[in-house]
Each structure stands twice: as C-alpha cells, then as structure tokens.
C-alpha cells in the first residue's frame, strides 16, 4: 500500500469529497485507511461499564485507499505515488514534482 500513517491526504470520492485529513491507521489486508473527522457514522451503543449512559455515538469508519490521494509535502498538490529504487532503499516519490516523500 502506498499510504502510511501520518500522511496528509485528500478525499476524492464519496460524501466527504474535497476534504483533507491525516491518516490515523492503515489496514493493509482490506486496503483501507481511517482518517479522523471523515466518513463519520452514528452507532447506537447499549449501556455498559464503559458507556454507562449508552446512546448514539459518532465513529469514523474506514475508507478505501483508492478514494484518497496523497498530498505532496513539497508542492502541496494531490498526487499519485511512485517509487524510486536506489542501491539500498526504495523511496516514495511525488509524480508531479519528483521529490521524495
């Protein structure tokens, strides 16, 4: 997966299109990411020890990684991610300005 925790991304599809956020968690197996404050849904929670009141809680749900684009830290544009392989390491690069991410 080309996204990592801490990357700044822009949502390109869905109800939150155009919004930006920072990746909080990456699920490699399902190919999805969690971005706080984006893709929020309501969940009804029964009374328990952790939630003595119960009620309706807002939770962020995972978003497919295909629906987000990385924002390059150098040129500040939403871009695709490429790779550049040197002798000992593999680096992510911005497809627009060719800088390393």
Protein backbone atom coordinates (compact mmCIF):
# COMPACT_ATOMS: atom_id res chain seq x y z
CA UNK A 1 0.00 0.00 0.00
CA UNK A 2 1.32 3.41 -0.92
CA UNK A 3 -0.16 5.26 2.08
CA UNK A 4 1.32 5.31 5.56
CA UNK A 5 0.24 6.54 8.99
CA UNK A 6 0.77 10.30 9.27
CA UNK A 7 0.33 11.06 5.54
CA UNK A 8 -1.79 14.07 4.63
CA UNK A 9 -4.47 13.02 2.14
CA UNK A 10 -7.37 14.48 0.16
CA UNK A 11 -10.63 12.56 -0.28
CA UNK A 12 -11.55 12.21 -3.97
CA UNK A 13 -14.86 10.32 -3.78
CA UNK A 14 -17.88 9.88 -1.55
CA UNK A 15 -19.81 12.17 0.77
CA UNK A 16 -16.62 13.84 2.09
CA UNK A 17 -15.07 14.61 -1.32
CA UNK A 18 -12.67 17.55 -1.21
CA UNK A 19 -11.90 17.31 2.50
CA UNK A 20 -8.38 16.78 3.80
CA UNK A 21 -7.04 14.89 6.79
CA UNK A 22 -4.15 12.93 8.20
CA UNK A 23 -4.14 9.12 8.08
CA UNK A 24 -4.57 7.70 11.58
CA UNK A 25 -4.50 3.98 10.79
CA UNK A 26 -3.86 1.79 7.75
CA UNK A 27 -5.46 -1.62 7.16
CA UNK A 28 -3.23 -3.37 4.60
CA UNK A 29 -5.35 -6.50 4.32
CA UNK A 30 -8.54 -4.66 3.27
CA UNK A 31 -6.76 -1.75 1.58
CA UNK A 32 -8.46 0.93 3.65
CA UNK A 33 -7.50 3.82 5.93
CA UNK A 34 -9.06 5.68 8.86
CA UNK A 35 -8.99 9.47 8.78
CA UNK A 36 -10.35 11.23 11.90
CA UNK A 37 -13.29 13.55 11.24
CA UNK A 38 -14.00 11.97 7.84
CA UNK A 39 -16.57 9.26 6.95
CA UNK A 40 -18.34 9.63 10.31
CA UNK A 41 -21.30 7.36 11.04
CA UNK A 42 -23.67 7.05 14.00
CA UNK A 43 -23.69 3.89 16.10
CA UNK A 44 -26.26 3.02 18.75
CA UNK A 45 -24.49 1.80 21.89
CA UNK A 46 -26.13 -0.22 24.64
CA UNK A 47 -25.44 0.63 28.30
CA UNK A 48 -22.25 -0.96 29.61
CA UNK A 49 -19.38 -0.38 32.04
CA UNK A 50 -17.51 1.79 29.52
CA UNK A 51 -20.65 3.70 28.43
CA UNK A 52 -22.99 3.94 31.46
CA UNK A 53 -25.32 6.30 29.57
CA UNK A 54 -25.50 4.37 26.31
CA UNK A 55 -26.97 6.27 23.37
CA UNK A 56 -25.79 7.31 19.91
CA UNK A 57 -22.05 7.67 19.27
CA UNK A 58 -20.19 9.10 16.25
CA UNK A 59 -17.49 6.76 14.92
CA UNK A 60 -15.11 7.15 11.96
CA UNK A 61 -15.31 4.23 9.53
CA UNK A 62 -12.55 3.04 7.20
CA UNK A 63 -12.33 4.50 3.72
CA UNK A 64 -10.92 2.61 0.72
CA UNK A 65 -7.43 3.79 -0.14
CA UNK A 66 -8.48 4.20 -3.78
CA UNK A 67 -10.76 7.06 -2.71
CA UNK A 68 -7.94 9.17 -1.26
CA UNK A 69 -4.90 10.88 -2.80
CA UNK A 70 -1.67 11.77 -1.06
CA UNK A 71 -0.85 15.48 -0.73
CA UNK A 72 2.81 16.13 -1.52
CA UNK A 73 4.53 17.98 1.36
CA UNK A 74 6.71 19.95 -1.07
CA UNK A 75 4.32 21.10 -3.83
CA UNK A 76 1.09 20.81 -1.73
CA UNK A 77 -0.85 19.15 -4.56
CA UNK A 78 -2.85 15.92 -4.55
CA UNK A 79 -0.66 13.45 -6.40
CA UNK A 80 -0.11 9.82 -7.24
CA UNK A 81 2.74 7.99 -5.56
CA UNK A 82 5.64 6.45 -7.43
CA UNK A 83 8.72 4.59 -6.29
CA UNK A 84 12.41 5.18 -6.88
CA UNK A 85 14.81 2.34 -6.12
CA UNK A 86 18.41 3.13 -5.19
CA UNK A 87 21.10 0.65 -4.18
CA UNK A 88 19.90 0.04 -0.65
CA UNK A 89 16.41 1.56 -0.32
CA UNK A 90 13.08 2.10 -2.00
CA UNK A 91 11.66 5.63 -1.68
CA UNK A 92 8.23 7.05 -2.41
CA UNK A 93 8.21 9.99 -4.85
CA UNK A 94 5.65 12.58 -5.94
CA UNK A 95 4.60 12.03 -9.57
CA UNK A 96 4.14 15.80 -10.10
CA UNK A 97 7.34 17.34 -8.73
CA UNK A 98 9.52 14.19 -8.46
CA UNK A 99 10.51 14.97 -4.85
CA UNK A 100 10.85 12.24 -2.23
CA UNK A 101 8.05 11.88 0.29
